[in-house]
Amino acid sequence: MMICLFQRLCQNRLKSIDIKDLDRVLQEPKSVVLDVRTKEEYQRGHIKGVRNVPLDQLSQFQGAKDQVHYLLCQSGVRSKRGARVLQKKGYQVVNIKGGMSAYTGKVTGGK
């Protein structure tokens, strides 16, 4: 019985990666990266190929549950909250720690 409880806790544990690993993730054909910042934040500058689904709209998100969904925000706080929302809906999710504040790569949009 105790092992079962422990396994359940492990299954619900949220996975995370550092922002420095994002370039590798973007090369994976079956990965999906979602930017959970507001539409305005996203338009000021985002990573090419990353889809904007604001945190307040994540509960309506529908995507392929056989793909890993990586979540990104400005610092990593909102993406962690969003990852928990999708995880409860049965998605495979990974939070990207550090977010756009720590990202040093090329961004699209903005001024």
PDB file of N, CA and C in Angstrom:
ATOM      1  N   MET A   1       0.817  -1.190   0.000  1.00  0.00           N
ATOM      2  CA  MET A   1       0.000   0.000   0.000  1.00  0.00           C
ATOM      3  C   MET A   1       0.866   1.262   0.000  1.00  0.00           C
ATOM      4  N   MET A   2       1.926   1.264   0.794  1.00  0.00           N
ATOM      5  CA  MET A   2       2.803   2.421   0.879  1.00  0.00           C
ATOM      6  C   MET A   2       3.508   2.679  -0.457  1.00  0.00           C
ATOM      7  N   ILE A   3       3.918   1.631  -1.149  1.00  0.00           N
ATOM      8  CA  ILE A   3       4.572   1.784  -2.444  1.00  0.00           C
ATOM      9  C   ILE A   3       3.618   2.429  -3.436  1.00  0.00           C
ATOM     10  N   CYS A   4       2.362   2.024  -3.424  1.00  0.00           N
ATOM     11  CA  CYS A   4       1.350   2.587  -4.321  1.00  0.00           C
ATOM     12  C   CYS A   4       1.196   4.087  -4.097  1.00  0.00           C
ATOM     13  N   LEU A   5       1.137   4.506  -2.849  1.00  0.00           N
ATOM     14  CA  LEU A   5       1.016   5.932  -2.545  1.00  0.00           C
ATOM     15  C   LEU A   5       2.235   6.684  -3.053  1.00  0.00           C
ATOM     16  N   PHE A   6       3.403   6.117  -2.851  1.00  0.00           N
ATOM     17  CA  PHE A   6       4.633   6.766  -3.294  1.00  0.00           C
ATOM     18  C   PHE A   6       4.668   6.883  -4.819  1.00  0.00           C
ATOM     19  N   GLN A   7       4.257   5.832  -5.527  1.00  0.00           N
ATOM     20  CA  GLN A   7       4.236   5.874  -6.988  1.00  0.00           C
ATOM     21  C   GLN A   7       3.294   6.957  -7.481  1.00  0.00           C
ATOM     22  N   ARG A   8       2.156   7.101  -6.842  1.00  0.00           N
ATOM     23  CA  ARG A   8       1.188   8.119  -7.241  1.00  0.00           C
ATOM     24  C   ARG A   8       1.782   9.520  -7.065  1.00  0.00           C
ATOM     25  N   LEU A   9       2.485   9.734  -5.964  1.00  0.00           N
ATOM     26  CA  LEU A   9       3.129  11.025  -5.736  1.00  0.00           C
ATOM     27  C   LEU A   9       4.179  11.301  -6.812  1.00  0.00           C
ATOM     28  N   CYS A  10       4.936  10.295  -7.162  1.00  0.00           N
ATOM     29  CA  CYS A  10       5.972  10.455  -8.183  1.00  0.00           C
ATOM     30  C   CYS A  10       5.363  10.774  -9.542  1.00  0.00           C
ATOM     31  N   GLN A  11       4.228  10.160  -9.865  1.00  0.00           N
ATOM     32  CA  GLN A  11       3.579  10.416 -11.145  1.00  0.00           C
ATOM     33  C   GLN A  11       3.081  11.845 -11.236  1.00  0.00           C
ATOM     34  N   ASN A  12       2.687  12.449 -10.105  1.00  0.00           N
ATOM     35  CA  ASN A  12       2.163  13.808 -10.090  1.00  0.00           C
ATOM     36  C   ASN A  12       3.248  14.863  -9.967  1.00  0.00           C
ATOM     37  N   ARG A  13       4.474  14.451  -9.798  1.00  0.00           N
ATOM     38  CA  ARG A  13       5.581  15.386  -9.652  1.00  0.00           C
ATOM     39  C   ARG A  13       5.811  16.113 -10.978  1.00  0.00           C
ATOM     40  N   LEU A  14       5.938  17.417 -10.906  1.00  0.00           N
ATOM     41  CA  LEU A  14       6.120  18.236 -12.096  1.00  0.00           C
ATOM     42  C   LEU A  14       7.578  18.210 -12.551  1.00  0.00           C
ATOM     43  N   LYS A  15       7.784  17.928 -13.813  1.00  0.00           N
ATOM     44  CA  LYS A  15       9.130  17.928 -14.376  1.00  0.00           C
ATOM     45  C   LYS A  15       9.480  19.344 -14.819  1.00  0.00           C
ATOM     46  N   SER A  16      10.760  19.690 -14.733  1.00  0.00           N
ATOM     47  CA  SER A  16      11.240  21.007 -15.153  1.00  0.00           C
ATOM     48  C   SER A  16      12.576  20.867 -15.862  1.00  0.00           C
ATOM     49  N   ILE A  17      12.835  21.827 -16.739  1.00  0.00           N
ATOM     50  CA  ILE A  17      14.146  21.940 -17.377  1.00  0.00           C
ATOM     51  C   ILE A  17      14.580  23.392 -17.270  1.00  0.00           C
ATOM     52  N   ASP A  18      15.861  23.648 -17.471  1.00  0.00           N
ATOM     53  CA  ASP A  18      16.382  25.008 -17.487  1.00  0.00           C
ATOM     54  C   ASP A  18      16.192  25.609 -18.870  1.00  0.00           C
ATOM     55  N   ILE A  19      16.109  26.913 -18.925  1.00  0.00           N
ATOM     56  CA  ILE A  19      15.924  27.623 -20.195  1.00  0.00           C
ATOM     57  C   ILE A  19      17.058  27.310 -21.179  1.00  0.00           C
ATOM     58  N   LYS A  20      18.230  26.999 -20.666  1.00  0.00           N
ATOM     59  CA  LYS A  20      19.356  26.696 -21.566  1.00  0.00           C
ATOM     60  C   LYS A  20      19.118  25.428 -22.386  1.00  0.00           C
ATOM     61  N   ASP A  21      18.166  24.593 -21.942  1.00  0.00           N
ATOM     62  CA  ASP A  21      17.845  23.361 -22.662  1.00  0.00           C
ATOM     63  C   ASP A  21      16.762  23.558 -23.726  1.00  0.00           C
ATOM     64  N   LEU A  22      16.238  24.775 -23.836  1.00  0.00           N
ATOM     65  CA  LEU A  22      15.132  25.035 -24.754  1.00  0.00           C
ATOM     66  C   LEU A  22      15.506  24.815 -26.219  1.00  0.00           C
ATOM     67  N   ASP A  23      16.701  25.203 -26.622  1.00  0.00           N
ATOM     68  CA  ASP A  23      17.099  25.006 -28.022  1.00  0.00           C
ATOM     69  C   ASP A  23      17.035  23.533 -28.421  1.00  0.00           C
ATOM     70  N   ARG A  24      17.448  22.664 -27.523  1.00  0.00           N
ATOM     71  CA  ARG A  24      17.366  21.208 -27.770  1.00  0.00           C
ATOM     72  C   ARG A  24      15.905  20.787 -27.913  1.00  0.00           C
ATOM     73  N   VAL A  25      15.057  21.291 -27.046  1.00  0.00           N
ATOM     74  CA  VAL A  25      13.629  20.965 -27.071  1.00  0.00           C
ATOM     75  C   VAL A  25      13.007  21.407 -28.389  1.00  0.00           C
ATOM     76  N   LEU A  26      13.363  22.586 -28.855  1.00  0.00           N
ATOM     77  CA  LEU A  26      12.796  23.114 -30.098  1.00  0.00           C
ATOM     78  C   LEU A  26      13.163  22.268 -31.311  1.00  0.00           C
ATOM     79  N   GLN A  27      14.217  21.463 -31.197  1.00  0.00           N
ATOM     80  CA  GLN A  27      14.637  20.577 -32.287  1.00  0.00           C
ATOM     81  C   GLN A  27      13.895  19.241 -32.276  1.00  0.00           C
ATOM     82  N   GLU A  28      13.227  18.930 -31.167  1.00  0.00           N
ATOM     83  CA  GLU A  28      12.505  17.661 -31.059  1.00  0.00           C
ATOM     84  C   GLU A  28      11.196  17.748 -31.840  1.00  0.00           C
ATOM     85  N   PRO A  29      10.976  16.842 -32.794  1.00  0.00           N
ATOM     86  CA  PRO A  29       9.789  16.931 -33.658  1.00  0.00           C
ATOM     87  C   PRO A  29       8.451  16.781 -32.935  1.00  0.00           C
ATOM     88  N   LYS A  30       8.390  16.034 -31.846  1.00  0.00           N
ATOM     89  CA  LYS A  30       7.103  15.809 -31.185  1.00  0.00           C
ATOM     90  C   LYS A  30       6.884  16.707 -29.971  1.00  0.00           C
ATOM     91  N   SER A  31       7.767  17.663 -29.736  1.00  0.00           N
ATOM     92  CA  SER A  31       7.564  18.537 -28.582  1.00  0.00           C
ATOM     93  C   SER A  31       6.757  19.764 -28.983  1.00  0.00           C
ATOM     94  N   VAL A  32       5.995  20.262 -28.029  1.00  0.00           N
ATOM     95  CA  VAL A  32       5.175  21.452 -28.226  1.00  0.00           C
ATOM     96  C   VAL A  32       5.563  22.435 -27.129  1.00  0.00           C
ATOM     97  N   VAL A  33       5.910  23.662 -27.516  1.00  0.00           N
ATOM     98  CA  VAL A  33       6.260  24.678 -26.529  1.00  0.00           C
ATOM     99  C   VAL A  33       5.158  25.719 -26.507  1.00  0.00           C
ATOM    100  N   LEU A  34       4.593  25.943 -25.319  1.00  0.00           N
ATOM    101  CA  LEU A  34       3.519  26.911 -25.139  1.00  0.00           C
ATOM    102  C   LEU A  34       4.020  28.064 -24.272  1.00  0.00           C
ATOM    103  N   ASP A  35       3.811  29.282 -24.749  1.00  0.00           N
ATOM    104  CA  ASP A  35       4.147  30.499 -24.009  1.00  0.00           C
ATOM    105  C   ASP A  35       2.862  30.945 -23.322  1.00  0.00           C
ATOM    106  N   VAL A  36       2.829  30.927 -21.998  1.00  0.00           N
ATOM    107  CA  VAL A  36       1.604  31.235 -21.266  1.00  0.00           C
ATOM    108  C   VAL A  36       1.508  32.698 -20.837  1.00  0.00           C
ATOM    109  N   ARG A  37       2.393  33.536 -21.363  1.00  0.00           N
ATOM    110  CA  ARG A  37       2.297  34.968 -21.049  1.00  0.00           C
ATOM    111  C   ARG A  37       1.071  35.560 -21.745  1.00  0.00           C
ATOM    112  N   THR A  38       0.728  36.772 -21.383  1.00  0.00           N
ATOM    113  CA  THR A  38      -0.400  37.444 -22.021  1.00  0.00           C
ATOM    114  C   THR A  38      -0.093  37.678 -23.496  1.00  0.00           C
ATOM    115  N   LYS A  39      -1.130  37.931 -24.263  1.00  0.00           N
ATOM    116  CA  LYS A  39      -0.973  38.201 -25.688  1.00  0.00           C
ATOM    117  C   LYS A  39      -0.040  39.395 -25.910  1.00  0.00           C
ATOM    118  N   GLU A  40      -0.186  40.424 -25.081  1.00  0.00           N
ATOM    119  CA  GLU A  40       0.637  41.628 -25.206  1.00  0.00           C
ATOM    120  C   GLU A  40       2.112  41.333 -24.932  1.00  0.00           C
ATOM    121  N   GLU A  41       2.379  40.545 -23.897  1.00  0.00           N
ATOM    122  CA  GLU A  41       3.763  40.170 -23.588  1.00  0.00           C
ATOM    123  C   GLU A  41       4.361  39.369 -24.742  1.00  0.00           C
ATOM    124  N   TYR A  42       3.595  38.439 -25.254  1.00  0.00           N
ATOM    125  CA  TYR A  42       4.040  37.586 -26.359  1.00  0.00           C
ATOM    126  C   TYR A  42       4.374  38.440 -27.583  1.00  0.00           C
ATOM    127  N   GLN A  43       3.526  39.403 -27.896  1.00  0.00           N
ATOM    128  CA  GLN A  43       3.738  40.252 -29.068  1.00  0.00           C
ATOM    129  C   GLN A  43       4.972  41.141 -28.927  1.00  0.00           C
ATOM    130  N   ARG A  44       5.352  41.475 -27.710  1.00  0.00           N
ATOM    131  CA  ARG A  44       6.544  42.304 -27.489  1.00  0.00           C
ATOM    132  C   ARG A  44       7.826  41.545 -27.793  1.00  0.00           C
ATOM    133  N   GLY A  45       7.742  40.228 -27.839  1.00  0.00           N
ATOM    134  CA  GLY A  45       8.912  39.415 -28.150  1.00  0.00           C
ATOM    135  C   GLY A  45       8.716  37.976 -27.730  1.00  0.00           C
ATOM    136  N   HIS A  46       8.858  37.077 -28.687  1.00  0.00           N
ATOM    137  CA  HIS A  46       8.682  35.656 -28.403  1.00  0.00           C
ATOM    138  C   HIS A  46       9.670  34.832 -29.225  1.00  0.00           C
ATOM    139  N   ILE A  47       9.744  33.581 -28.902  1.00  0.00           N
ATOM    140  CA  ILE A  47      10.629  32.646 -29.597  1.00  0.00           C
ATOM    141  C   ILE A  47       9.875  32.071 -30.788  1.00  0.00           C
ATOM    142  N   LYS A  48      10.513  32.112 -31.941  1.00  0.00           N
ATOM    143  CA  LYS A  48       9.886  31.598 -33.160  1.00  0.00           C
ATOM    144  C   LYS A  48       9.495  30.131 -32.977  1.00  0.00           C
ATOM    145  N   GLY A  49       8.268  29.818 -33.380  1.00  0.00           N
ATOM    146  CA  GLY A  49       7.776  28.450 -33.290  1.00  0.00           C
ATOM    147  C   GLY A  49       7.081  28.112 -31.982  1.00  0.00           C
ATOM    148  N   VAL A  50       7.079  29.062 -31.056  1.00  0.00           N
ATOM    149  CA  VAL A  50       6.430  28.844 -29.770  1.00  0.00           C
ATOM    150  C   VAL A  50       5.026  29.431 -29.836  1.00  0.00           C
ATOM    151  N   ARG A  51       4.057  28.635 -29.428  1.00  0.00           N
ATOM    152  CA  ARG A  51       2.650  29.033 -29.518  1.00  0.00           C
ATOM    153  C   ARG A  51       2.201  29.760 -28.250  1.00  0.00           C
ATOM    154  N   ASN A  52       1.468  30.843 -28.416  1.00  0.00           N
ATOM    155  CA  ASN A  52       0.942  31.601 -27.279  1.00  0.00           C
ATOM    156  C   ASN A  52      -0.426  31.073 -26.857  1.00  0.00           C
ATOM    157  N   VAL A  53      -0.500  30.592 -25.625  1.00  0.00           N
ATOM    158  CA  VAL A  53      -1.762  30.200 -24.996  1.00  0.00           C
ATOM    159  C   VAL A  53      -1.703  30.808 -23.595  1.00  0.00           C
ATOM    160  N   PRO A  54      -2.283  32.012 -23.412  1.00  0.00           N
ATOM    161  CA  PRO A  54      -2.201  32.676 -22.113  1.00  0.00           C
ATOM    162  C   PRO A  54      -2.705  31.796 -20.968  1.00  0.00           C
ATOM    163  N   LEU A  55      -2.107  31.972 -19.804  1.00  0.00           N
ATOM    164  CA  LEU A  55      -2.423  31.159 -18.639  1.00  0.00           C
ATOM    165  C   LEU A  55      -3.918  31.106 -18.365  1.00  0.00           C
ATOM    166  N   ASP A  56      -4.604  32.238 -18.507  1.00  0.00           N
ATOM    167  CA  ASP A  56      -6.038  32.248 -18.203  1.00  0.00           C
ATOM    168  C   ASP A  56      -6.883  31.513 -19.240  1.00  0.00           C
ATOM    169  N   GLN A  57      -6.263  31.040 -20.327  1.00  0.00           N
ATOM    170  CA  GLN A  57      -6.977  30.279 -21.348  1.00  0.00           C
ATOM    171  C   GLN A  57      -6.551  28.804 -21.395  1.00  0.00           C
ATOM    172  N   LEU A  58      -5.608  28.437 -20.563  1.00  0.00           N
ATOM    173  CA  LEU A  58      -5.073  27.070 -20.587  1.00  0.00           C
ATOM    174  C   LEU A  58      -6.102  26.004 -20.236  1.00  0.00           C
ATOM    175  N   SER A  59      -7.078  26.339 -19.425  1.00  0.00           N
ATOM    176  CA  SER A  59      -8.064  25.324 -19.041  1.00  0.00           C
ATOM    177  C   SER A  59      -8.884  24.854 -20.240  1.00  0.00           C
ATOM    178  N   GLN A  60      -8.937  25.660 -21.308  1.00  0.00           N
ATOM    179  CA  GLN A  60      -9.655  25.269 -22.524  1.00  0.00           C
ATOM    180  C   GLN A  60      -8.734  24.643 -23.579  1.00  0.00           C
ATOM    181  N   PHE A  61      -7.440  24.571 -23.290  1.00  0.00           N
ATOM    182  CA  PHE A  61      -6.471  24.048 -24.261  1.00  0.00           C
ATOM    183  C   PHE A  61      -6.790  22.602 -24.612  1.00  0.00           C
ATOM    184  N   GLN A  62      -6.685  22.313 -25.913  1.00  0.00           N
ATOM    185  CA  GLN A  62      -6.834  20.944 -26.379  1.00  0.00           C
ATOM    186  C   GLN A  62      -5.705  20.652 -27.352  1.00  0.00           C
ATOM    187  N   GLY A  63      -4.929  19.676 -27.017  1.00  0.00           N
ATOM    188  CA  GLY A  63      -3.818  19.277 -27.863  1.00  0.00           C
ATOM    189  C   GLY A  63      -3.631  17.776 -27.769  1.00  0.00           C
ATOM    190  N   ALA A  64      -2.639  17.289 -28.455  1.00  0.00           N
ATOM    191  CA  ALA A  64      -2.353  15.851 -28.467  1.00  0.00           C
ATOM    192  C   ALA A  64      -1.743  15.430 -27.130  1.00  0.00           C
ATOM    193  N   LYS A  65      -2.361  14.484 -26.502  1.00  0.00           N
ATOM    194  CA  LYS A  65      -1.879  14.040 -25.195  1.00  0.00           C
ATOM    195  C   LYS A  65      -0.706  13.072 -25.294  1.00  0.00           C
ATOM    196  N   ASP A  66      -0.359  12.661 -26.519  1.00  0.00           N
ATOM    197  CA  ASP A  66       0.800  11.784 -26.673  1.00  0.00           C
ATOM    198  C   ASP A  66       2.080  12.578 -26.926  1.00  0.00           C
ATOM    199  N   GLN A  67       1.988  13.896 -26.891  1.00  0.00           N
ATOM    200  CA  GLN A  67       3.153  14.760 -27.074  1.00  0.00           C
ATOM    201  C   GLN A  67       3.512  15.420 -25.748  1.00  0.00           C
ATOM    202  N   VAL A  68       4.788  15.729 -25.584  1.00  0.00           N
ATOM    203  CA  VAL A  68       5.234  16.458 -24.405  1.00  0.00           C
ATOM    204  C   VAL A  68       5.002  17.945 -24.658  1.00  0.00           C
ATOM    205  N   HIS A  69       4.405  18.626 -23.690  1.00  0.00           N
ATOM    206  CA  HIS A  69       4.135  20.061 -23.785  1.00  0.00           C
ATOM    207  C   HIS A  69       5.042  20.791 -22.804  1.00  0.00           C
ATOM    208  N   TYR A  70       5.882  21.667 -23.335  1.00  0.00           N
ATOM    209  CA  TYR A  70       6.787  22.468 -22.525  1.00  0.00           C
ATOM    210  C   TYR A  70       6.152  23.836 -22.341  1.00  0.00           C
ATOM    211  N   LEU A  71       6.119  24.332 -21.102  1.00  0.00           N
ATOM    212  CA  LEU A  71       5.492  25.616 -20.825  1.00  0.00           C
ATOM    213  C   LEU A  71       6.520  26.659 -20.419  1.00  0.00           C
ATOM    214  N   LEU A  72       6.336  27.849 -20.980  1.00  0.00           N
ATOM    215  CA  LEU A  72       7.266  28.959 -20.830  1.00  0.00           C
ATOM    216  C   LEU A  72       6.490  30.216 -20.452  1.00  0.00           C
ATOM    217  N   CYS A  73       7.066  31.063 -19.614  1.00  0.00           N
ATOM    218  CA  CYS A  73       6.479  32.366 -19.311  1.00  0.00           C
ATOM    219  C   CYS A  73       7.622  33.373 -19.151  1.00  0.00           C
ATOM    220  N   GLN A  74       7.409  34.439 -18.413  1.00  0.00           N
ATOM    221  CA  GLN A  74       8.454  35.440 -18.256  1.00  0.00           C
ATOM    222  C   GLN A  74       9.557  34.972 -17.307  1.00  0.00           C
ATOM    223  N   SER A  75       9.164  34.356 -16.185  1.00  0.00           N
ATOM    224  CA  SER A  75      10.171  33.968 -15.199  1.00  0.00           C
ATOM    225  C   SER A  75      10.133  32.492 -14.794  1.00  0.00           C
ATOM    226  N   GLY A  76       9.034  31.812 -15.084  1.00  0.00           N
ATOM    227  CA  GLY A  76       8.896  30.414 -14.710  1.00  0.00           C
ATOM    228  C   GLY A  76       7.794  30.160 -13.696  1.00  0.00           C
ATOM    229  N   VAL A  77       7.224  31.227 -13.132  1.00  0.00           N
ATOM    230  CA  VAL A  77       6.180  31.066 -12.118  1.00  0.00           C
ATOM    231  C   VAL A  77       4.840  30.710 -12.762  1.00  0.00           C
ATOM    232  N   ARG A  78       4.412  31.493 -13.737  1.00  0.00           N
ATOM    233  CA  ARG A  78       3.129  31.213 -14.400  1.00  0.00           C
ATOM    234  C   ARG A  78       3.176  29.906 -15.177  1.00  0.00           C
ATOM    235  N   SER A  79       4.307  29.609 -15.786  1.00  0.00           N
ATOM    236  CA  SER A  79       4.398  28.357 -16.546  1.00  0.00           C
ATOM    237  C   SER A  79       4.295  27.156 -15.614  1.00  0.00           C
ATOM    238  N   LYS A  80       4.802  27.279 -14.410  1.00  0.00           N
ATOM    239  CA  LYS A  80       4.675  26.193 -13.438  1.00  0.00           C
ATOM    240  C   LYS A  80       3.210  26.002 -13.067  1.00  0.00           C
ATOM    241  N   ARG A  81       2.485  27.093 -12.846  1.00  0.00           N
ATOM    242  CA  ARG A  81       1.052  27.000 -12.545  1.00  0.00           C
ATOM    243  C   ARG A  81       0.306  26.396 -13.735  1.00  0.00           C
ATOM    244  N   GLY A  82       0.643  26.841 -14.938  1.00  0.00           N
ATOM    245  CA  GLY A  82       0.003  26.319 -16.141  1.00  0.00           C
ATOM    246  C   GLY A  82       0.292  24.843 -16.355  1.00  0.00           C
ATOM    247  N   ALA A  83       1.506  24.440 -16.048  1.00  0.00           N
ATOM    248  CA  ALA A  83       1.881  23.032 -16.196  1.00  0.00           C
ATOM    249  C   ALA A  83       1.025  22.156 -15.286  1.00  0.00           C
ATOM    250  N   ARG A  84       0.747  22.630 -14.103  1.00  0.00           N
ATOM    251  CA  ARG A  84      -0.105  21.875 -13.179  1.00  0.00           C
ATOM    252  C   ARG A  84      -1.536  21.755 -13.733  1.00  0.00           C
ATOM    253  N   VAL A  85      -2.029  22.832 -14.360  1.00  0.00           N
ATOM    254  CA  VAL A  85      -3.372  22.806 -14.967  1.00  0.00           C
ATOM    255  C   VAL A  85      -3.432  21.724 -16.035  1.00  0.00           C
ATOM    256  N   LEU A  86      -2.448  21.723 -16.939  1.00  0.00           N
ATOM    257  CA  LEU A  86      -2.445  20.733 -18.024  1.00  0.00           C
ATOM    258  C   LEU A  86      -2.178  19.322 -17.508  1.00  0.00           C
ATOM    259  N   GLN A  87      -1.344  19.220 -16.503  1.00  0.00           N
ATOM    260  CA  GLN A  87      -1.044  17.903 -15.919  1.00  0.00           C
ATOM    261  C   GLN A  87      -2.323  17.273 -15.366  1.00  0.00           C
ATOM    262  N   LYS A  88      -3.147  18.065 -14.710  1.00  0.00           N
ATOM    263  CA  LYS A  88      -4.409  17.556 -14.168  1.00  0.00           C
ATOM    264  C   LYS A  88      -5.363  17.119 -15.275  1.00  0.00           C
ATOM    265  N   LYS A  89      -5.199  17.692 -16.474  1.00  0.00           N
ATOM    266  CA  LYS A  89      -6.039  17.317 -17.611  1.00  0.00           C
ATOM    267  C   LYS A  89      -5.472  16.104 -18.354  1.00  0.00           C
ATOM    268  N   GLY A  90      -4.353  15.562 -17.877  1.00  0.00           N
ATOM    269  CA  GLY A  90      -3.790  14.357 -18.470  1.00  0.00           C
ATOM    270  C   GLY A  90      -2.681  14.572 -19.480  1.00  0.00           C
ATOM    271  N   TYR A  91      -2.167  15.805 -19.584  1.00  0.00           N
ATOM    272  CA  TYR A  91      -1.090  16.086 -20.523  1.00  0.00           C
ATOM    273  C   TYR A  91       0.266  15.779 -19.900  1.00  0.00           C
ATOM    274  N   GLN A  92       1.228  15.440 -20.769  1.00  0.00           N
ATOM    275  CA  GLN A  92       2.618  15.290 -20.367  1.00  0.00           C
ATOM    276  C   GLN A  92       3.222  16.690 -20.427  1.00  0.00           C
ATOM    277  N   VAL A  93       3.638  17.217 -19.293  1.00  0.00           N
ATOM    278  CA  VAL A  93       4.103  18.608 -19.264  1.00  0.00           C
ATOM    279  C   VAL A  93       5.464  18.744 -18.598  1.00  0.00           C
ATOM    280  N   VAL A  94       6.182  19.771 -19.041  1.00  0.00           N
ATOM    281  CA  VAL A  94       7.472  20.117 -18.460  1.00  0.00           C
ATOM    282  C   VAL A  94       7.514  21.633 -18.339  1.00  0.00           C
ATOM    283  N   ASN A  95       7.842  22.124 -17.163  1.00  0.00           N
ATOM    284  CA  ASN A  95       7.999  23.557 -16.940  1.00  0.00           C
ATOM    285  C   ASN A  95       9.407  23.984 -17.360  1.00  0.00           C
ATOM    286  N   ILE A  96       9.503  25.162 -17.976  1.00  0.00           N
ATOM    287  CA  ILE A  96      10.810  25.708 -18.361  1.00  0.00           C
ATOM    288  C   ILE A  96      11.177  26.780 -17.344  1.00  0.00           C
ATOM    289  N   LYS A  97      12.150  26.470 -16.484  1.00  0.00           N
ATOM    290  CA  LYS A  97      12.574  27.379 -15.421  1.00  0.00           C
ATOM    291  C   LYS A  97      13.350  28.568 -16.004  1.00  0.00           C
ATOM    292  N   GLY A  98      13.127  29.723 -15.425  1.00  0.00           N
ATOM    293  CA  GLY A  98      13.862  30.917 -15.838  1.00  0.00           C
ATOM    294  C   GLY A  98      13.104  31.766 -16.833  1.00  0.00           C
ATOM    295  N   GLY A  99      12.357  31.109 -17.716  1.00  0.00           N
ATOM    296  CA  GLY A  99      11.517  31.812 -18.673  1.00  0.00           C
ATOM    297  C   GLY A  99      12.251  32.782 -19.597  1.00  0.00           C
ATOM    298  N   MET A 100      11.472  33.676 -20.164  1.00  0.00           N
ATOM    299  CA  MET A 100      12.008  34.638 -21.130  1.00  0.00           C
ATOM    300  C   MET A 100      13.035  35.582 -20.497  1.00  0.00           C
ATOM    301  N   SER A 101      12.929  35.821 -19.205  1.00  0.00           N
ATOM    302  CA  SER A 101      13.899  36.683 -18.522  1.00  0.00           C
ATOM    303  C   SER A 101      15.309  36.120 -18.609  1.00  0.00           C
ATOM    304  N   ALA A 102      15.413  34.802 -18.642  1.00  0.00           N
ATOM    305  CA  ALA A 102      16.721  34.143 -18.694  1.00  0.00           C
ATOM    306  C   ALA A 102      17.131  33.724 -20.101  1.00  0.00           C
ATOM    307  N   TYR A 103      16.214  33.836 -21.058  1.00  0.00           N
ATOM    308  CA  TYR A 103      16.504  33.388 -22.419  1.00  0.00           C
ATOM    309  C   TYR A 103      17.420  34.374 -23.131  1.00  0.00           C
ATOM    310  N   THR A 104      18.463  33.855 -23.751  1.00  0.00           N
ATOM    311  CA  THR A 104      19.447  34.720 -24.416  1.00  0.00           C
ATOM    312  C   THR A 104      19.449  34.550 -25.934  1.00  0.00           C
ATOM    313  N   GLY A 105      18.567  33.691 -26.447  1.00  0.00           N
ATOM    314  CA  GLY A 105      18.507  33.441 -27.881  1.00  0.00           C
ATOM    315  C   GLY A 105      17.732  34.514 -28.630  1.00  0.00           C
ATOM    316  N   LYS A 106      17.515  34.242 -29.898  1.00  0.00           N
ATOM    317  CA  LYS A 106      16.830  35.181 -30.785  1.00  0.00           C
ATOM    318  C   LYS A 106      15.330  35.215 -30.484  1.00  0.00           C
ATOM    319  N   VAL A 107      14.767  36.418 -30.491  1.00  0.00           N
ATOM    320  CA  VAL A 107      13.333  36.596 -30.299  1.00  0.00           C
ATOM    321  C   VAL A 107      12.722  37.283 -31.506  1.00  0.00           C
ATOM    322  N   THR A 108      11.463  36.981 -31.762  1.00  0.00           N
ATOM    323  CA  THR A 108      10.706  37.544 -32.870  1.00  0.00           C
ATOM    324  C   THR A 108       9.685  38.521 -32.311  1.00  0.00           C
ATOM    325  N   GLY A 109       9.387  39.567 -33.091  1.00  0.00           N
ATOM    326  CA  GLY A 109       8.392  40.551 -32.646  1.00  0.00           C
ATOM    327  C   GLY A 109       9.035  41.568 -31.735  1.00  0.00           C
ATOM    328  N   GLY A 110       8.217  42.410 -31.186  1.00  0.00           N
ATOM    329  CA  GLY A 110       8.740  43.426 -30.270  1.00  0.00           C
ATOM    330  C   GLY A 110       9.505  44.502 -31.005  1.00  0.00           C
ATOM    331  N   LYS A 111      10.107  45.373 -30.250  1.00  0.00           N
ATOM    332  CA  LYS A 111      10.862  46.488 -30.830  1.00  0.00           C
ATOM    333  C   LYS A 111      12.273  46.512 -30.354  1.00  0.00           C
TER     334      LYS A 111
END
